[in-house]
Amino acid sequence: MKKPKIVSHKEWLKQRIAFLKKEKKFAHMRDALSRERQKLPWEKITKKYVFDTPKGKQTLAQLFEGRSQLILYHFMFHPDWKAGCKGCSLLADSFDRNITHIQQRDITMIAASRAPLAKLEKFKKRMGWSFKWVSSGGSDFNYDFYVSFTPEQLKKKIYYNYKTEKRSGEDLPGLSVFYKDKSGNIFHTYSTYERGLDAAIVPYQYIDLVPKGRDEDKLPYPMAWVRHRDSYGG
């Protein structure tokens, strides 16, 4: 962090008010971008996906739970892992309380991972979460939405976050949105990955307010500091 400039209260207010104009401009731009996002075209889901859930086998249509809109977080949890991704867990720590409010706007929000349901339930209990978490391991769902890749695919360049490049890791994070009409047709309306998930990382929204900011420049990778909530120690 650079040494700050110390000024009088009058000068502090002057510069803060000037910066407020930029914040308001950004807020208006964000609102406009959201409206544009909501006008993007949809694609119809024609493949039948079946998930393992606490209520048994359920189709994608059943995951809506009577609502017309579905937000699905692609939580990184490889079938061989003993615990879920630390970064995804950071996001998931805020799911439960948010979901209570989101449901009032005709939206169901869940998470899906390739790990077996028993592993998801065990880890969910450890973390103290109650949101619905389903296993997509028995279907092509993760592969079709570009968040999981076979070892063979990883030998070449893969398609992730709307670009083709060399990556490692069979599972990556993302978030997808779906709409179900009155006839039961399901449409994929939006998906986002990588920095597109920033807005869902609630701690970052607060960290960005303080002088040191994210302070991640010297780390091996940006979220290297993150641990499971019960693993930070004293």
Protein backbone atom coordinates (compact mmCIF):
# COMPACT_ATOMS: atom_id res chain seq x y z
CA MET A 1 0.00 0.00 0.00
CA LYS A 2 1.32 3.44 -0.94
CA LYS A 3 1.68 6.03 1.79
CA PRO A 4 -1.61 7.97 1.89
CA LYS A 5 -1.93 11.72 1.49
CA ILE A 6 -3.13 13.26 4.76
CA VAL A 7 -5.47 16.23 4.26
CA SER A 8 -7.88 18.46 6.18
CA HIS A 9 -11.53 17.43 6.65
CA LYS A 10 -12.57 20.05 4.08
CA GLU A 11 -10.20 18.64 1.47
CA TRP A 12 -11.23 15.06 2.37
CA LEU A 13 -14.89 15.94 1.72
CA LYS A 14 -14.03 17.66 -1.55
CA GLN A 15 -12.23 14.62 -2.94
CA ARG A 16 -14.77 12.16 -1.55
CA ILE A 17 -17.64 14.03 -3.22
CA ALA A 18 -15.72 14.14 -6.50
CA PHE A 19 -15.21 10.38 -6.32
CA LEU A 20 -18.92 9.90 -5.52
CA LYS A 21 -19.72 11.16 -9.01
CA LYS A 22 -17.63 8.33 -10.46
CA GLU A 23 -19.34 5.80 -8.17
CA LYS A 24 -22.77 6.98 -9.33
CA LYS A 25 -21.69 6.78 -12.97
CA PHE A 26 -20.47 3.23 -12.40
CA ALA A 27 -23.76 2.30 -10.69
CA HIS A 28 -25.75 3.58 -13.67
CA MET A 29 -23.47 1.69 -16.06
CA ARG A 30 -23.95 -1.48 -13.99
CA ASP A 31 -27.75 -1.04 -14.11
CA ALA A 32 -27.60 -0.62 -17.88
CA LEU A 33 -25.41 -3.70 -18.23
CA SER A 34 -27.88 -5.73 -16.15
CA ARG A 35 -30.75 -4.63 -18.40
CA GLU A 36 -28.72 -5.64 -21.45
CA ARG A 37 -27.91 -9.01 -19.87
CA GLN A 38 -31.61 -9.65 -19.27
CA LYS A 39 -32.28 -9.07 -22.99
CA LEU A 40 -29.75 -11.65 -24.21
CA PRO A 41 -31.21 -14.48 -26.33
CA TRP A 42 -31.99 -17.86 -24.77
CA GLU A 43 -31.22 -21.40 -25.87
CA LYS A 44 -33.65 -24.26 -25.30
CA ILE A 45 -32.47 -27.20 -23.22
CA THR A 46 -33.32 -30.38 -25.11
CA LYS A 47 -31.16 -32.94 -23.28
CA LYS A 48 -32.65 -34.60 -20.22
CA TYR A 49 -30.38 -34.19 -17.20
CA VAL A 50 -30.94 -36.24 -14.04
CA PHE A 51 -29.34 -35.35 -10.70
CA ASP A 52 -28.88 -37.15 -7.39
CA THR A 53 -30.57 -35.06 -4.70
CA PRO A 54 -31.56 -35.46 -1.05
CA LYS A 55 -35.07 -36.17 -2.41
CA GLY A 56 -33.86 -38.86 -4.82
CA LYS A 57 -33.37 -38.62 -8.56
CA GLN A 58 -34.59 -35.31 -10.00
CA THR A 59 -34.61 -33.80 -13.46
CA LEU A 60 -33.46 -30.27 -14.23
CA ALA A 61 -37.13 -29.24 -14.40
CA GLN A 62 -37.74 -30.53 -10.86
CA LEU A 63 -34.84 -28.48 -9.50
CA PHE A 64 -36.89 -25.31 -10.11
CA GLU A 65 -39.15 -26.38 -7.21
CA GLY A 66 -42.23 -24.64 -8.61
CA ARG A 67 -40.50 -21.39 -9.53
CA SER A 68 -39.80 -20.15 -13.05
CA GLN A 69 -36.15 -19.10 -12.60
CA LEU A 70 -33.16 -21.13 -11.47
CA ILE A 71 -29.67 -19.99 -10.49
CA LEU A 72 -27.25 -22.91 -10.36
CA TYR A 73 -23.75 -22.52 -8.97
CA HIS A 74 -21.23 -24.95 -10.48
CA PHE A 75 -19.36 -25.82 -7.27
CA MET A 76 -15.93 -27.36 -7.79
CA PHE A 77 -15.97 -30.77 -6.09
CA HIS A 78 -14.21 -33.54 -8.02
CA PRO A 79 -15.53 -37.05 -7.28
CA ASP A 80 -12.13 -38.02 -5.80
CA TRP A 81 -11.78 -35.02 -3.50
CA LYS A 82 -12.42 -35.24 0.25
CA ALA A 83 -13.62 -31.62 0.46
CA GLY A 84 -15.05 -28.95 -1.80
CA CYS A 85 -13.03 -26.15 -3.39
CA LYS A 86 -11.96 -23.47 -0.89
CA GLY A 87 -12.84 -20.62 -3.25
CA CYS A 88 -16.29 -22.06 -3.99
CA SER A 89 -16.79 -22.53 -0.25
CA LEU A 90 -16.07 -18.83 0.24
CA LEU A 91 -19.01 -18.05 -2.05
CA ALA A 92 -21.21 -20.74 -0.54
CA ASP A 93 -20.84 -19.32 2.97
CA SER A 94 -23.28 -16.57 1.98
CA PHE A 95 -25.78 -18.73 0.06
CA ASP A 96 -28.21 -19.72 2.82
CA ARG A 97 -29.23 -16.26 4.00
CA ASN A 98 -29.36 -14.88 0.45
CA ILE A 99 -31.50 -17.74 -0.84
CA THR A 100 -34.24 -16.91 1.68
CA HIS A 101 -34.63 -13.49 0.02
CA ILE A 102 -34.01 -14.66 -3.55
CA GLN A 103 -36.89 -17.12 -3.35
CA GLN A 104 -39.30 -14.23 -2.86
CA ARG A 105 -38.51 -13.12 -6.42
CA ASP A 106 -39.56 -16.37 -8.13
CA ILE A 107 -35.99 -17.72 -8.10
CA THR A 108 -34.62 -21.04 -6.87
CA MET A 109 -30.89 -21.15 -6.15
CA ILE A 110 -28.89 -24.37 -5.73
CA ALA A 111 -25.38 -25.77 -6.23
CA ALA A 112 -24.30 -28.75 -8.33
CA SER A 113 -21.07 -30.76 -8.33
CA ARG A 114 -19.76 -34.01 -9.81
CA ALA A 115 -18.90 -35.50 -6.40
CA PRO A 116 -21.28 -38.20 -5.08
CA LEU A 117 -24.22 -36.95 -3.04
CA ALA A 118 -22.91 -38.59 0.14
CA LYS A 119 -19.71 -36.52 -0.06
CA LEU A 120 -21.67 -33.34 -0.72
CA GLU A 121 -23.95 -33.98 2.27
CA LYS A 122 -21.02 -34.76 4.57
CA PHE A 123 -19.13 -31.61 3.58
CA LYS A 124 -22.30 -29.52 3.77
CA LYS A 125 -22.83 -30.72 7.35
CA ARG A 126 -19.23 -29.85 8.22
CA MET A 127 -19.68 -26.31 6.86
CA GLY A 128 -23.08 -25.82 8.50
CA TRP A 129 -24.86 -25.12 5.21
CA SER A 130 -28.50 -25.91 4.42
CA PHE A 131 -28.85 -24.90 0.73
CA LYS A 132 -29.78 -27.58 -1.78
CA TRP A 133 -26.72 -29.22 -3.30
CA VAL A 134 -27.13 -31.88 -5.98
CA SER A 135 -24.77 -34.29 -7.66
CA SER A 136 -24.43 -34.02 -11.43
CA GLY A 137 -21.88 -36.82 -11.60
CA GLY A 138 -24.18 -39.24 -13.37
CA SER A 139 -24.82 -36.96 -16.36
CA ASP A 140 -23.08 -34.81 -18.98
CA PHE A 141 -24.31 -31.65 -17.27
CA ASN A 142 -20.93 -30.31 -16.09
CA TYR A 143 -19.27 -31.10 -19.40
CA ASP A 144 -22.05 -29.51 -21.43
CA PHE A 145 -21.75 -26.28 -19.42
CA TYR A 146 -17.95 -26.17 -19.71
CA VAL A 147 -17.06 -26.57 -16.03
CA SER A 148 -15.69 -30.14 -16.15
CA PHE A 149 -13.19 -31.71 -18.50
CA THR A 150 -11.88 -35.21 -19.11
CA PRO A 151 -8.18 -36.03 -18.73
CA GLU A 152 -8.08 -36.48 -22.50
CA GLN A 153 -9.53 -33.02 -23.07
CA LEU A 154 -6.95 -31.48 -20.73
CA LYS A 155 -4.12 -32.79 -22.88
CA LYS A 156 -5.22 -30.19 -25.42
CA LYS A 157 -6.70 -26.73 -25.13
CA ILE A 158 -10.14 -26.56 -23.50
CA TYR A 159 -13.06 -24.20 -23.92
CA TYR A 160 -13.71 -22.28 -20.69
CA ASN A 161 -15.02 -18.77 -20.04
CA TYR A 162 -15.78 -18.38 -23.75
CA LYS A 163 -12.21 -18.87 -24.92
CA THR A 164 -10.00 -21.79 -25.85
CA GLU A 165 -6.75 -22.16 -23.96
CA LYS A 166 -4.53 -24.59 -22.09
CA ARG A 167 -5.82 -25.16 -18.56
CA SER A 168 -5.33 -27.66 -15.76
CA GLY A 169 -7.94 -29.12 -13.45
CA GLU A 170 -10.86 -31.37 -14.33
CA ASP A 171 -13.35 -29.10 -12.56
CA LEU A 172 -13.72 -25.31 -12.69
CA PRO A 173 -16.27 -22.87 -11.19
CA GLY A 174 -19.18 -21.14 -12.86
CA LEU A 175 -22.77 -20.01 -12.50
CA SER A 176 -25.65 -20.70 -14.88
CA VAL A 177 -29.17 -19.32 -15.08
CA PHE A 178 -32.25 -21.09 -16.44
CA TYR A 179 -35.90 -20.22 -17.11
CA LYS A 180 -38.87 -22.59 -17.23
CA ASP A 181 -42.04 -21.45 -19.00
CA LYS A 182 -45.64 -22.49 -18.21
CA SER A 183 -45.42 -25.32 -20.75
CA GLY A 184 -42.41 -26.79 -18.98
CA ASN A 185 -39.84 -25.78 -21.58
CA ILE A 186 -36.45 -24.97 -20.07
CA PHE A 187 -34.10 -22.35 -21.45
CA HIS A 188 -30.49 -21.52 -20.67
CA THR A 189 -30.32 -17.74 -20.38
CA TYR A 190 -26.86 -16.96 -18.98
CA SER A 191 -23.60 -18.43 -17.70
CA THR A 192 -20.56 -16.73 -16.20
CA TYR A 193 -17.13 -17.87 -15.06
CA GLU A 194 -13.86 -16.60 -13.52
CA ARG A 195 -14.05 -12.84 -12.79
CA GLY A 196 -17.72 -12.92 -13.73
CA LEU A 197 -18.25 -14.54 -10.33
CA ASP A 198 -16.70 -11.61 -8.45
CA ALA A 199 -20.05 -10.08 -7.55
CA ALA A 200 -21.03 -13.33 -5.81
CA ILE A 201 -17.94 -13.29 -3.57
CA VAL A 202 -19.45 -11.26 -0.75
CA PRO A 203 -16.22 -10.86 1.31
CA TYR A 204 -14.54 -9.21 -1.69
CA GLN A 205 -17.26 -6.53 -1.77
CA TYR A 206 -16.15 -5.48 1.72
CA ILE A 207 -12.41 -6.06 1.21
CA ASP A 208 -12.49 -3.73 -1.81
CA LEU A 209 -13.60 -0.90 0.49
CA VAL A 210 -10.52 -0.86 2.72
CA PRO A 211 -7.19 0.88 1.96
CA LYS A 212 -5.16 -2.27 1.32
CA GLY A 213 -7.86 -3.74 -0.93
CA ARG A 214 -7.43 -7.39 -1.89
CA ASP A 215 -3.68 -7.21 -1.30
CA GLU A 216 -3.08 -10.36 -3.37
CA ASP A 217 -0.25 -9.23 -5.64
CA LYS A 218 2.46 -11.27 -3.91
CA LEU A 219 0.40 -14.47 -3.62
CA PRO A 220 0.94 -17.48 -5.96
CA TYR A 221 -2.58 -16.83 -7.28
CA PRO A 222 -5.28 -14.33 -6.19
CA MET A 223 -7.28 -16.55 -3.82
CA ALA A 224 -4.33 -18.43 -2.30
CA TRP A 225 -5.17 -16.91 1.10
CA VAL A 226 -8.63 -18.48 1.24
CA ARG A 227 -9.31 -21.42 3.56
CA HIS A 228 -12.42 -23.33 4.52
CA ARG A 229 -14.23 -21.28 7.14
CA ASP A 230 -13.32 -23.75 9.90
CA SER A 231 -9.63 -23.94 8.93
CA TYR A 232 -8.22 -20.45 9.55
CA GLY A 233 -7.18 -21.19 13.09
CA GLY A 234 -6.66 -18.61 15.83
